[in-house]
Amino acid sequence: MTAAANTKRLRDVAACVRGKNAGPFIVTIDIFFPDAKTYDRVVAANVLTPKLVAPLYGVSAHVVHVICVPQALAIKVSLPRPRPAGDTAERDVAGGQQFTRLLNVQIPNGGKD
């Protein structure tokens, strides 16, 4: 069995992935899971880390925050915006398109599914 057969993309296991403006200098990406089993599997895999996220967005790992929110079956990723919101060169003031870089992150199946 190949490594790809033992993984699924984040887009395939998450119920919803969305980006949003978290202020003039921060973007937050919320990842919601359909059930506790899926959420627990993704958290236990420890794949969504600052070390993984940082190169996807061209920032240092020490400025990326990944927060698990079990009450919401969600993981929140916060990172600096490439340009301040409202800057003349800003192309996504609402931060709504920033989540797409995470969609193909490979999540281990954990031998199930």
PDB file of N, CA and C in Angstrom:
ATOM      1  N   MET A   1       0.840  -1.179   0.000  1.00  0.00           N
ATOM      2  CA  MET A   1       0.000   0.000   0.000  1.00  0.00           C
ATOM      3  C   MET A   1       0.888   1.247   0.000  1.00  0.00           C
ATOM      4  N   THR A   2       0.589   2.207  -0.825  1.00  0.00           N
ATOM      5  CA  THR A   2       1.410   3.410  -0.928  1.00  0.00           C
ATOM      6  C   THR A   2       1.084   4.395   0.183  1.00  0.00           C
ATOM      7  N   ALA A   3       1.980   5.360   0.375  1.00  0.00           N
ATOM      8  CA  ALA A   3       1.753   6.394   1.383  1.00  0.00           C
ATOM      9  C   ALA A   3       0.489   7.174   1.073  1.00  0.00           C
ATOM     10  N   ALA A   4       0.224   7.431  -0.212  1.00  0.00           N
ATOM     11  CA  ALA A   4      -0.973   8.187  -0.598  1.00  0.00           C
ATOM     12  C   ALA A   4      -2.241   7.427  -0.233  1.00  0.00           C
ATOM     13  N   ALA A   5      -2.196   6.093  -0.273  1.00  0.00           N
ATOM     14  CA  ALA A   5      -3.361   5.294   0.086  1.00  0.00           C
ATOM     15  C   ALA A   5      -3.646   5.362   1.580  1.00  0.00           C
ATOM     16  N   ASN A   6      -2.652   5.727   2.355  1.00  0.00           N
ATOM     17  CA  ASN A   6      -2.812   5.835   3.802  1.00  0.00           C
ATOM     18  C   ASN A   6      -3.133   7.249   4.254  1.00  0.00           C
ATOM     19  N   THR A   7      -3.395   8.133   3.312  1.00  0.00           N
ATOM     20  CA  THR A   7      -3.702   9.517   3.660  1.00  0.00           C
ATOM     21  C   THR A   7      -4.913  10.010   2.880  1.00  0.00           C
ATOM     22  N   LYS A   8      -5.478  11.087   3.376  1.00  0.00           N
ATOM     23  CA  LYS A   8      -6.525  11.812   2.657  1.00  0.00           C
ATOM     24  C   LYS A   8      -6.166  13.284   2.727  1.00  0.00           C
ATOM     25  N   ARG A   9      -6.616  14.026   1.746  1.00  0.00           N
ATOM     26  CA  ARG A   9      -6.379  15.465   1.764  1.00  0.00           C
ATOM     27  C   ARG A   9      -7.272  16.123   2.803  1.00  0.00           C
ATOM     28  N   LEU A  10      -6.802  17.233   3.344  1.00  0.00           N
ATOM     29  CA  LEU A  10      -7.594  17.976   4.326  1.00  0.00           C
ATOM     30  C   LEU A  10      -8.971  18.296   3.753  1.00  0.00           C
ATOM     31  N   ARG A  11      -9.029  18.666   2.483  1.00  0.00           N
ATOM     32  CA  ARG A  11     -10.315  18.994   1.847  1.00  0.00           C
ATOM     33  C   ARG A  11     -11.297  17.828   1.900  1.00  0.00           C
ATOM     34  N   ASP A  12     -10.792  16.598   2.000  1.00  0.00           N
ATOM     35  CA  ASP A  12     -11.650  15.423   2.005  1.00  0.00           C
ATOM     36  C   ASP A  12     -12.107  15.006   3.402  1.00  0.00           C
ATOM     37  N   VAL A  13     -11.438  15.476   4.435  1.00  0.00           N
ATOM     38  CA  VAL A  13     -11.828  15.095   5.799  1.00  0.00           C
ATOM     39  C   VAL A  13     -12.504  16.230   6.567  1.00  0.00           C
ATOM     40  N   ALA A  14     -12.306  17.461   6.145  1.00  0.00           N
ATOM     41  CA  ALA A  14     -12.899  18.599   6.845  1.00  0.00           C
ATOM     42  C   ALA A  14     -14.319  18.852   6.347  1.00  0.00           C
ATOM     43  N   ALA A  15     -15.167  19.316   7.262  1.00  0.00           N
ATOM     44  CA  ALA A  15     -16.529  19.692   6.880  1.00  0.00           C
ATOM     45  C   ALA A  15     -16.530  21.081   6.255  1.00  0.00           C
ATOM     46  N   CYS A  16     -15.629  21.940   6.718  1.00  0.00           N
ATOM     47  CA  CYS A  16     -15.561  23.321   6.232  1.00  0.00           C
ATOM     48  C   CYS A  16     -14.174  23.875   6.512  1.00  0.00           C
ATOM     49  N   VAL A  17     -13.597  24.539   5.532  1.00  0.00           N
ATOM     50  CA  VAL A  17     -12.331  25.246   5.706  1.00  0.00           C
ATOM     51  C   VAL A  17     -12.559  26.651   5.176  1.00  0.00           C
ATOM     52  N   ARG A  18     -12.309  27.656   6.008  1.00  0.00           N
ATOM     53  CA  ARG A  18     -12.556  29.035   5.578  1.00  0.00           C
ATOM     54  C   ARG A  18     -11.485  29.964   6.120  1.00  0.00           C
ATOM     55  N   GLY A  19     -11.195  30.990   5.340  1.00  0.00           N
ATOM     56  CA  GLY A  19     -10.273  32.026   5.764  1.00  0.00           C
ATOM     57  C   GLY A  19     -11.064  33.267   6.119  1.00  0.00           C
ATOM     58  N   LYS A  20     -10.517  34.059   7.045  1.00  0.00           N
ATOM     59  CA  LYS A  20     -11.194  35.303   7.394  1.00  0.00           C
ATOM     60  C   LYS A  20     -10.194  36.310   7.935  1.00  0.00           C
ATOM     61  N   ASN A  21     -10.586  37.547   7.819  1.00  0.00           N
ATOM     62  CA  ASN A  21      -9.808  38.654   8.320  1.00  0.00           C
ATOM     63  C   ASN A  21      -9.846  38.619   9.844  1.00  0.00           C
ATOM     64  N   ALA A  22      -8.694  38.688  10.472  1.00  0.00           N
ATOM     65  CA  ALA A  22      -8.622  38.718  11.936  1.00  0.00           C
ATOM     66  C   ALA A  22      -7.960  40.012  12.391  1.00  0.00           C
ATOM     67  N   GLY A  23      -8.113  41.049  11.610  1.00  0.00           N
ATOM     68  CA  GLY A  23      -7.501  42.341  11.913  1.00  0.00           C
ATOM     69  C   GLY A  23      -6.645  42.783  10.752  1.00  0.00           C
ATOM     70  N   PRO A  24      -6.066  43.961  10.852  1.00  0.00           N
ATOM     71  CA  PRO A  24      -5.309  44.490   9.717  1.00  0.00           C
ATOM     72  C   PRO A  24      -4.018  43.731   9.398  1.00  0.00           C
ATOM     73  N   PHE A  25      -3.531  42.936  10.338  1.00  0.00           N
ATOM     74  CA  PHE A  25      -2.245  42.278  10.124  1.00  0.00           C
ATOM     75  C   PHE A  25      -2.289  40.754  10.229  1.00  0.00           C
ATOM     76  N   ILE A  26      -3.456  40.181  10.518  1.00  0.00           N
ATOM     77  CA  ILE A  26      -3.573  38.737  10.753  1.00  0.00           C
ATOM     78  C   ILE A  26      -4.699  38.145   9.910  1.00  0.00           C
ATOM     79  N   VAL A  27      -4.472  36.946   9.403  1.00  0.00           N
ATOM     80  CA  VAL A  27      -5.503  36.148   8.744  1.00  0.00           C
ATOM     81  C   VAL A  27      -5.677  34.887   9.584  1.00  0.00           C
ATOM     82  N   THR A  28      -6.913  34.460   9.750  1.00  0.00           N
ATOM     83  CA  THR A  28      -7.199  33.224  10.459  1.00  0.00           C
ATOM     84  C   THR A  28      -7.889  32.251   9.514  1.00  0.00           C
ATOM     85  N   ILE A  29      -7.478  31.000   9.586  1.00  0.00           N
ATOM     86  CA  ILE A  29      -8.096  29.943   8.800  1.00  0.00           C
ATOM     87  C   ILE A  29      -8.738  28.982   9.797  1.00  0.00           C
ATOM     88  N   ASP A  30     -10.038  28.789   9.649  1.00  0.00           N
ATOM     89  CA  ASP A  30     -10.784  27.880  10.515  1.00  0.00           C
ATOM     90  C   ASP A  30     -11.029  26.583   9.763  1.00  0.00           C
ATOM     91  N   ILE A  31     -10.743  25.471  10.428  1.00  0.00           N
ATOM     92  CA  ILE A  31     -10.953  24.148   9.854  1.00  0.00           C
ATOM     93  C   ILE A  31     -11.906  23.410  10.782  1.00  0.00           C
ATOM     94  N   PHE A  32     -13.099  23.118  10.291  1.00  0.00           N
ATOM     95  CA  PHE A  32     -14.107  22.422  11.081  1.00  0.00           C
ATOM     96  C   PHE A  32     -14.220  20.985  10.596  1.00  0.00           C
ATOM     97  N   PHE A  33     -14.434  20.066  11.527  1.00  0.00           N
ATOM     98  CA  PHE A  33     -14.531  18.650  11.202  1.00  0.00           C
ATOM     99  C   PHE A  33     -15.948  18.144  11.452  1.00  0.00           C
ATOM    100  N   PRO A  34     -16.365  17.116  10.705  1.00  0.00           N
ATOM    101  CA  PRO A  34     -17.759  16.676  10.778  1.00  0.00           C
ATOM    102  C   PRO A  34     -18.124  15.945  12.068  1.00  0.00           C
ATOM    103  N   ASP A  35     -17.120  15.383  12.743  1.00  0.00           N
ATOM    104  CA  ASP A  35     -17.418  14.614  13.959  1.00  0.00           C
ATOM    105  C   ASP A  35     -16.161  14.536  14.826  1.00  0.00           C
ATOM    106  N   ALA A  36     -16.354  14.106  16.064  1.00  0.00           N
ATOM    107  CA  ALA A  36     -15.252  14.039  17.028  1.00  0.00           C
ATOM    108  C   ALA A  36     -14.186  13.035  16.607  1.00  0.00           C
ATOM    109  N   LYS A  37     -14.599  11.941  15.981  1.00  0.00           N
ATOM    110  CA  LYS A  37     -13.629  10.920  15.545  1.00  0.00           C
ATOM    111  C   LYS A  37     -12.641  11.510  14.529  1.00  0.00           C
ATOM    112  N   THR A  38     -13.166  12.224  13.550  1.00  0.00           N
ATOM    113  CA  THR A  38     -12.303  12.834  12.532  1.00  0.00           C
ATOM    114  C   THR A  38     -11.424  13.914  13.150  1.00  0.00           C
ATOM    115  N   TYR A  39     -12.017  14.767  13.968  1.00  0.00           N
ATOM    116  CA  TYR A  39     -11.246  15.823  14.642  1.00  0.00           C
ATOM    117  C   TYR A  39     -10.112  15.202  15.453  1.00  0.00           C
ATOM    118  N   ASP A  40     -10.426  14.207  16.271  1.00  0.00           N
ATOM    119  CA  ASP A  40      -9.405  13.580  17.117  1.00  0.00           C
ATOM    120  C   ASP A  40      -8.300  12.952  16.283  1.00  0.00           C
ATOM    121  N   ARG A  41      -8.653  12.333  15.154  1.00  0.00           N
ATOM    122  CA  ARG A  41      -7.651  11.709  14.289  1.00  0.00           C
ATOM    123  C   ARG A  41      -6.694  12.752  13.704  1.00  0.00           C
ATOM    124  N   VAL A  42      -7.249  13.878  13.260  1.00  0.00           N
ATOM    125  CA  VAL A  42      -6.411  14.922  12.676  1.00  0.00           C
ATOM    126  C   VAL A  42      -5.510  15.550  13.743  1.00  0.00           C
ATOM    127  N   VAL A  43      -6.058  15.817  14.908  1.00  0.00           N
ATOM    128  CA  VAL A  43      -5.248  16.391  15.984  1.00  0.00           C
ATOM    129  C   VAL A  43      -4.140  15.419  16.391  1.00  0.00           C
ATOM    130  N   ALA A  44      -4.480  14.143  16.544  1.00  0.00           N
ATOM    131  CA  ALA A  44      -3.489  13.132  16.945  1.00  0.00           C
ATOM    132  C   ALA A  44      -2.387  12.977  15.902  1.00  0.00           C
ATOM    133  N   ALA A  45      -2.719  13.177  14.632  1.00  0.00           N
ATOM    134  CA  ALA A  45      -1.712  13.058  13.567  1.00  0.00           C
ATOM    135  C   ALA A  45      -0.663  14.157  13.663  1.00  0.00           C
ATOM    136  N   ASN A  46      -1.001  15.272  14.283  1.00  0.00           N
ATOM    137  CA  ASN A  46      -0.075  16.393  14.489  1.00  0.00           C
ATOM    138  C   ASN A  46       0.585  16.842  13.182  1.00  0.00           C
ATOM    139  N   VAL A  47      -0.226  16.917  12.130  1.00  0.00           N
ATOM    140  CA  VAL A  47       0.264  17.340  10.820  1.00  0.00           C
ATOM    141  C   VAL A  47       0.167  18.853  10.662  1.00  0.00           C
ATOM    142  N   LEU A  48      -0.936  19.435  11.117  1.00  0.00           N
ATOM    143  CA  LEU A  48      -1.146  20.880  10.972  1.00  0.00           C
ATOM    144  C   LEU A  48      -0.358  21.612  12.060  1.00  0.00           C
ATOM    145  N   THR A  49       0.885  21.884  11.747  1.00  0.00           N
ATOM    146  CA  THR A  49       1.804  22.529  12.683  1.00  0.00           C
ATOM    147  C   THR A  49       2.346  23.812  12.066  1.00  0.00           C
ATOM    148  N   PRO A  50       2.885  24.704  12.883  1.00  0.00           N
ATOM    149  CA  PRO A  50       3.524  25.893  12.317  1.00  0.00           C
ATOM    150  C   PRO A  50       4.621  25.542  11.311  1.00  0.00           C
ATOM    151  N   LYS A  51       5.337  24.456  11.567  1.00  0.00           N
ATOM    152  CA  LYS A  51       6.419  24.044  10.668  1.00  0.00           C
ATOM    153  C   LYS A  51       5.895  23.665   9.287  1.00  0.00           C
ATOM    154  N   LEU A  52       4.701  23.076   9.205  1.00  0.00           N
ATOM    155  CA  LEU A  52       4.110  22.732   7.915  1.00  0.00           C
ATOM    156  C   LEU A  52       3.487  23.964   7.260  1.00  0.00           C
ATOM    157  N   VAL A  53       2.785  24.766   8.038  1.00  0.00           N
ATOM    158  CA  VAL A  53       2.042  25.909   7.495  1.00  0.00           C
ATOM    159  C   VAL A  53       2.967  27.027   7.006  1.00  0.00           C
ATOM    160  N   ALA A  54       4.012  27.313   7.732  1.00  0.00           N
ATOM    161  CA  ALA A  54       4.876  28.457   7.432  1.00  0.00           C
ATOM    162  C   ALA A  54       5.385  28.489   5.992  1.00  0.00           C
ATOM    163  N   PRO A  55       5.975  27.421   5.460  1.00  0.00           N
ATOM    164  CA  PRO A  55       6.467  27.504   4.083  1.00  0.00           C
ATOM    165  C   PRO A  55       5.347  27.638   3.046  1.00  0.00           C
ATOM    166  N   LEU A  56       4.164  27.144   3.355  1.00  0.00           N
ATOM    167  CA  LEU A  56       3.043  27.292   2.426  1.00  0.00           C
ATOM    168  C   LEU A  56       2.667  28.763   2.230  1.00  0.00           C
ATOM    169  N   TYR A  57       2.923  29.570   3.268  1.00  0.00           N
ATOM    170  CA  TYR A  57       2.546  30.986   3.233  1.00  0.00           C
ATOM    171  C   TYR A  57       3.745  31.925   3.197  1.00  0.00           C
ATOM    172  N   GLY A  58       4.943  31.368   3.153  1.00  0.00           N
ATOM    173  CA  GLY A  58       6.141  32.199   3.045  1.00  0.00           C
ATOM    174  C   GLY A  58       6.434  33.019   4.284  1.00  0.00           C
ATOM    175  N   VAL A  59       6.147  32.449   5.457  1.00  0.00           N
ATOM    176  CA  VAL A  59       6.424  33.137   6.717  1.00  0.00           C
ATOM    177  C   VAL A  59       7.253  32.221   7.613  1.00  0.00           C
ATOM    178  N   SER A  60       7.764  32.775   8.687  1.00  0.00           N
ATOM    179  CA  SER A  60       8.524  31.980   9.656  1.00  0.00           C
ATOM    180  C   SER A  60       7.569  31.202  10.554  1.00  0.00           C
ATOM    181  N   ALA A  61       7.980  30.000  10.929  1.00  0.00           N
ATOM    182  CA  ALA A  61       7.129  29.155  11.775  1.00  0.00           C
ATOM    183  C   ALA A  61       6.820  29.812  13.114  1.00  0.00           C
ATOM    184  N   HIS A  62       7.725  30.648  13.616  1.00  0.00           N
ATOM    185  CA  HIS A  62       7.484  31.242  14.935  1.00  0.00           C
ATOM    186  C   HIS A  62       6.359  32.282  14.935  1.00  0.00           C
ATOM    187  N   VAL A  63       5.850  32.676  13.765  1.00  0.00           N
ATOM    188  CA  VAL A  63       4.745  33.643  13.720  1.00  0.00           C
ATOM    189  C   VAL A  63       3.407  32.984  13.348  1.00  0.00           C
ATOM    190  N   VAL A  64       3.401  31.653  13.207  1.00  0.00           N
ATOM    191  CA  VAL A  64       2.185  30.912  12.892  1.00  0.00           C
ATOM    192  C   VAL A  64       1.659  30.288  14.182  1.00  0.00           C
ATOM    193  N   HIS A  65       0.365  30.430  14.405  1.00  0.00           N
ATOM    194  CA  HIS A  65      -0.258  29.829  15.583  1.00  0.00           C
ATOM    195  C   HIS A  65      -1.307  28.825  15.130  1.00  0.00           C
ATOM    196  N   VAL A  66      -1.228  27.624  15.687  1.00  0.00           N
ATOM    197  CA  VAL A  66      -2.208  26.581  15.402  1.00  0.00           C
ATOM    198  C   VAL A  66      -2.864  26.233  16.734  1.00  0.00           C
ATOM    199  N   ILE A  67      -4.175  26.434  16.799  1.00  0.00           N
ATOM    200  CA  ILE A  67      -4.909  26.254  18.044  1.00  0.00           C
ATOM    201  C   ILE A  67      -6.017  25.222  17.821  1.00  0.00           C
ATOM    202  N   CYS A  68      -6.042  24.204  18.655  1.00  0.00           N
ATOM    203  CA  CYS A  68      -7.095  23.193  18.601  1.00  0.00           C
ATOM    204  C   CYS A  68      -8.237  23.628  19.510  1.00  0.00           C
ATOM    205  N   VAL A  69      -9.453  23.541  18.988  1.00  0.00           N
ATOM    206  CA  VAL A  69     -10.645  23.960  19.729  1.00  0.00           C
ATOM    207  C   VAL A  69     -11.607  22.774  19.760  1.00  0.00           C
ATOM    208  N   PRO A  70     -11.446  21.867  20.734  1.00  0.00           N
ATOM    209  CA  PRO A  70     -12.259  20.655  20.748  1.00  0.00           C
ATOM    210  C   PRO A  70     -13.761  20.918  20.892  1.00  0.00           C
ATOM    211  N   GLN A  71     -14.137  21.969  21.595  1.00  0.00           N
ATOM    212  CA  GLN A  71     -15.555  22.276  21.775  1.00  0.00           C
ATOM    213  C   GLN A  71     -16.247  22.549  20.442  1.00  0.00           C
ATOM    214  N   ALA A  72     -15.497  23.033  19.462  1.00  0.00           N
ATOM    215  CA  ALA A  72     -16.047  23.352  18.145  1.00  0.00           C
ATOM    216  C   ALA A  72     -15.642  22.324  17.082  1.00  0.00           C
ATOM    217  N   LEU A  73     -14.919  21.290  17.492  1.00  0.00           N
ATOM    218  CA  LEU A  73     -14.355  20.306  16.547  1.00  0.00           C
ATOM    219  C   LEU A  73     -13.621  21.050  15.433  1.00  0.00           C
ATOM    220  N   ALA A  74     -12.749  21.958  15.845  1.00  0.00           N
ATOM    221  CA  ALA A  74     -12.086  22.843  14.893  1.00  0.00           C
ATOM    222  C   ALA A  74     -10.617  23.034  15.232  1.00  0.00           C
ATOM    223  N   ILE A  75      -9.865  23.402  14.202  1.00  0.00           N
ATOM    224  CA  ILE A  75      -8.480  23.843  14.349  1.00  0.00           C
ATOM    225  C   ILE A  75      -8.410  25.222  13.727  1.00  0.00           C
ATOM    226  N   LYS A  76      -7.775  26.145  14.432  1.00  0.00           N
ATOM    227  CA  LYS A  76      -7.645  27.531  13.981  1.00  0.00           C
ATOM    228  C   LYS A  76      -6.171  27.796  13.701  1.00  0.00           C
ATOM    229  N   VAL A  77      -5.894  28.313  12.521  1.00  0.00           N
ATOM    230  CA  VAL A  77      -4.529  28.659  12.124  1.00  0.00           C
ATOM    231  C   VAL A  77      -4.493  30.166  11.909  1.00  0.00           C
ATOM    232  N   SER A  78      -3.618  30.854  12.627  1.00  0.00           N
ATOM    233  CA  SER A  78      -3.479  32.305  12.466  1.00  0.00           C
ATOM    234  C   SER A  78      -2.062  32.628  12.023  1.00  0.00           C
ATOM    235  N   LEU A  79      -1.960  33.553  11.074  1.00  0.00           N
ATOM    236  CA  LEU A  79      -0.655  33.935  10.556  1.00  0.00           C
ATOM    237  C   LEU A  79      -0.704  35.370  10.057  1.00  0.00           C
ATOM    238  N   PRO A  80       0.465  35.980   9.902  1.00  0.00           N
ATOM    239  CA  PRO A  80       0.494  37.368   9.432  1.00  0.00           C
ATOM    240  C   PRO A  80       0.044  37.484   7.984  1.00  0.00           C
ATOM    241  N   ARG A  81      -0.644  38.565   7.701  1.00  0.00           N
ATOM    242  CA  ARG A  81      -1.059  38.869   6.330  1.00  0.00           C
ATOM    243  C   ARG A  81       0.175  39.264   5.518  1.00  0.00           C
ATOM    244  N   PRO A  82       0.194  38.995   4.217  1.00  0.00           N
ATOM    245  CA  PRO A  82       1.341  39.424   3.399  1.00  0.00           C
ATOM    246  C   PRO A  82       1.434  40.951   3.310  1.00  0.00           C
ATOM    247  N   ARG A  83       0.288  41.612   3.355  1.00  0.00           N
ATOM    248  CA  ARG A  83       0.217  43.082   3.357  1.00  0.00           C
ATOM    249  C   ARG A  83      -0.907  43.481   4.293  1.00  0.00           C
ATOM    250  N   PRO A  84      -0.825  44.616   4.932  1.00  0.00           N
ATOM    251  CA  PRO A  84      -1.919  45.043   5.815  1.00  0.00           C
ATOM    252  C   PRO A  84      -3.236  45.157   5.048  1.00  0.00           C
ATOM    253  N   ALA A  85      -4.326  44.832   5.713  1.00  0.00           N
ATOM    254  CA  ALA A  85      -5.642  44.976   5.099  1.00  0.00           C
ATOM    255  C   ALA A  85      -5.836  46.423   4.677  1.00  0.00           C
ATOM    256  N   GLY A  86      -6.346  46.615   3.490  1.00  0.00           N
ATOM    257  CA  GLY A  86      -6.573  47.959   2.979  1.00  0.00           C
ATOM    258  C   GLY A  86      -5.395  48.550   2.232  1.00  0.00           C
ATOM    259  N   ASP A  87      -4.235  47.901   2.278  1.00  0.00           N
ATOM    260  CA  ASP A  87      -3.074  48.351   1.521  1.00  0.00           C
ATOM    261  C   ASP A  87      -3.442  48.346   0.032  1.00  0.00           C
ATOM    262  N   THR A  88      -2.917  49.264  -0.715  1.00  0.00           N
ATOM    263  CA  THR A  88      -3.271  49.353  -2.136  1.00  0.00           C
ATOM    264  C   THR A  88      -2.898  48.098  -2.917  1.00  0.00           C
ATOM    265  N   ALA A  89      -1.930  47.323  -2.440  1.00  0.00           N
ATOM    266  CA  ALA A  89      -1.526  46.099  -3.128  1.00  0.00           C
ATOM    267  C   ALA A  89      -2.229  44.855  -2.559  1.00  0.00           C
ATOM    268  N   GLU A  90      -3.043  45.031  -1.547  1.00  0.00           N
ATOM    269  CA  GLU A  90      -3.763  43.897  -0.944  1.00  0.00           C
ATOM    270  C   GLU A  90      -4.776  43.340  -1.933  1.00  0.00           C
ATOM    271  N   ARG A  91      -4.786  42.007  -2.095  1.00  0.00           N
ATOM    272  CA  ARG A  91      -5.687  41.387  -3.071  1.00  0.00           C
ATOM    273  C   ARG A  91      -6.809  40.595  -2.415  1.00  0.00           C
ATOM    274  N   ASP A  92      -6.798  40.488  -1.089  1.00  0.00           N
ATOM    275  CA  ASP A  92      -7.826  39.708  -0.383  1.00  0.00           C
ATOM    276  C   ASP A  92      -8.073  40.351   0.979  1.00  0.00           C
ATOM    277  N   VAL A  93      -8.720  41.490   0.975  1.00  0.00           N
ATOM    278  CA  VAL A  93      -8.931  42.259   2.206  1.00  0.00           C
ATOM    279  C   VAL A  93      -9.650  41.432   3.266  1.00  0.00           C
ATOM    280  N   ALA A  94     -10.626  40.628   2.873  1.00  0.00           N
ATOM    281  CA  ALA A  94     -11.391  39.832   3.833  1.00  0.00           C
ATOM    282  C   ALA A  94     -10.643  38.568   4.283  1.00  0.00           C
ATOM    283  N   GLY A  95      -9.560  38.218   3.612  1.00  0.00           N
ATOM    284  CA  GLY A  95      -8.824  37.007   3.970  1.00  0.00           C
ATOM    285  C   GLY A  95      -9.556  35.738   3.583  1.00  0.00           C
ATOM    286  N   GLY A  96     -10.612  35.865   2.804  1.00  0.00           N
ATOM    287  CA  GLY A  96     -11.469  34.737   2.477  1.00  0.00           C
ATOM    288  C   GLY A  96     -10.879  33.702   1.546  1.00  0.00           C
ATOM    289  N   GLN A  97      -9.798  34.022   0.842  1.00  0.00           N
ATOM    290  CA  GLN A  97      -9.211  33.065  -0.104  1.00  0.00           C
ATOM    291  C   GLN A  97      -7.916  32.440   0.406  1.00  0.00           C
ATOM    292  N   GLN A  98      -7.522  32.759   1.615  1.00  0.00           N
ATOM    293  CA  GLN A  98      -6.225  32.311   2.115  1.00  0.00           C
ATOM    294  C   GLN A  98      -6.185  30.846   2.538  1.00  0.00           C
ATOM    295  N   PHE A  99      -7.330  30.220   2.694  1.00  0.00           N
ATOM    296  CA  PHE A  99      -7.380  28.840   3.153  1.00  0.00           C
ATOM    297  C   PHE A  99      -6.923  27.832   2.097  1.00  0.00           C
ATOM    298  N   THR A 100      -6.942  28.198   0.828  1.00  0.00           N
ATOM    299  CA  THR A 100      -6.754  27.225  -0.250  1.00  0.00           C
ATOM    300  C   THR A 100      -5.406  26.494  -0.205  1.00  0.00           C
ATOM    301  N   ARG A 101      -4.399  27.114   0.329  1.00  0.00           N
ATOM    302  CA  ARG A 101      -3.076  26.465   0.375  1.00  0.00           C
ATOM    303  C   ARG A 101      -3.049  25.261   1.311  1.00  0.00           C
ATOM    304  N   LEU A 102      -4.019  25.176   2.211  1.00  0.00           N
ATOM    305  CA  LEU A 102      -4.060  24.050   3.151  1.00  0.00           C
ATOM    306  C   LEU A 102      -4.885  22.870   2.647  1.00  0.00           C
ATOM    307  N   LEU A 103      -5.663  23.052   1.620  1.00  0.00           N
ATOM    308  CA  LEU A 103      -6.624  22.037   1.206  1.00  0.00           C
ATOM    309  C   LEU A 103      -6.001  20.704   0.800  1.00  0.00           C
ATOM    310  N   ASN A 104      -4.794  20.708   0.277  1.00  0.00           N
ATOM    311  CA  ASN A 104      -4.167  19.462  -0.175  1.00  0.00           C
ATOM    312  C   ASN A 104      -3.199  18.877   0.836  1.00  0.00           C
ATOM    313  N   VAL A 105      -3.154  19.423   2.042  1.00  0.00           N
ATOM    314  CA  VAL A 105      -2.313  18.835   3.088  1.00  0.00           C
ATOM    315  C   VAL A 105      -2.781  17.412   3.323  1.00  0.00           C
ATOM    316  N   GLN A 106      -1.830  16.492   3.368  1.00  0.00           N
ATOM    317  CA  GLN A 106      -2.146  15.067   3.546  1.00  0.00           C
ATOM    318  C   GLN A 106      -2.316  14.729   5.028  1.00  0.00           C
ATOM    319  N   ILE A 107      -3.451  14.105   5.339  1.00  0.00           N
ATOM    320  CA  ILE A 107      -3.785  13.699   6.706  1.00  0.00           C
ATOM    321  C   ILE A 107      -3.766  12.172   6.761  1.00  0.00           C
ATOM    322  N   PRO A 108      -3.015  11.585   7.692  1.00  0.00           N
ATOM    323  CA  PRO A 108      -3.013  10.111   7.797  1.00  0.00           C
ATOM    324  C   PRO A 108      -4.395   9.568   8.112  1.00  0.00           C
ATOM    325  N   ASN A 109      -4.737   8.449   7.490  1.00  0.00           N
ATOM    326  CA  ASN A 109      -6.025   7.798   7.738  1.00  0.00           C
ATOM    327  C   ASN A 109      -6.073   7.107   9.090  1.00  0.00           C
ATOM    328  N   GLY A 110      -4.937   6.752   9.623  1.00  0.00           N
ATOM    329  CA  GLY A 110      -4.938   6.043  10.887  1.00  0.00           C
ATOM    330  C   GLY A 110      -5.406   4.596  10.765  1.00  0.00           C
ATOM    331  N   GLY A 111      -5.306   4.035   9.544  1.00  0.00           N
ATOM    332  CA  GLY A 111      -5.693   2.666   9.333  1.00  0.00           C
ATOM    333  C   GLY A 111      -7.189   2.441   9.259  1.00  0.00           C
ATOM    334  N   LYS A 112      -7.963   3.514   9.209  1.00  0.00           N
ATOM    335  CA  LYS A 112      -9.420   3.397   9.164  1.00  0.00           C
ATOM    336  C   LYS A 112      -9.922   4.098   7.925  1.00  0.00           C
ATOM    337  N   ASP A 113     -11.222   3.978   7.690  1.00  0.00           N
ATOM    338  CA  ASP A 113     -11.949   4.567   6.554  1.00  0.00           C
ATOM    339  C   ASP A 113     -11.839   3.622   5.422  1.00  0.00           C
TER     340      ASP A 113
END
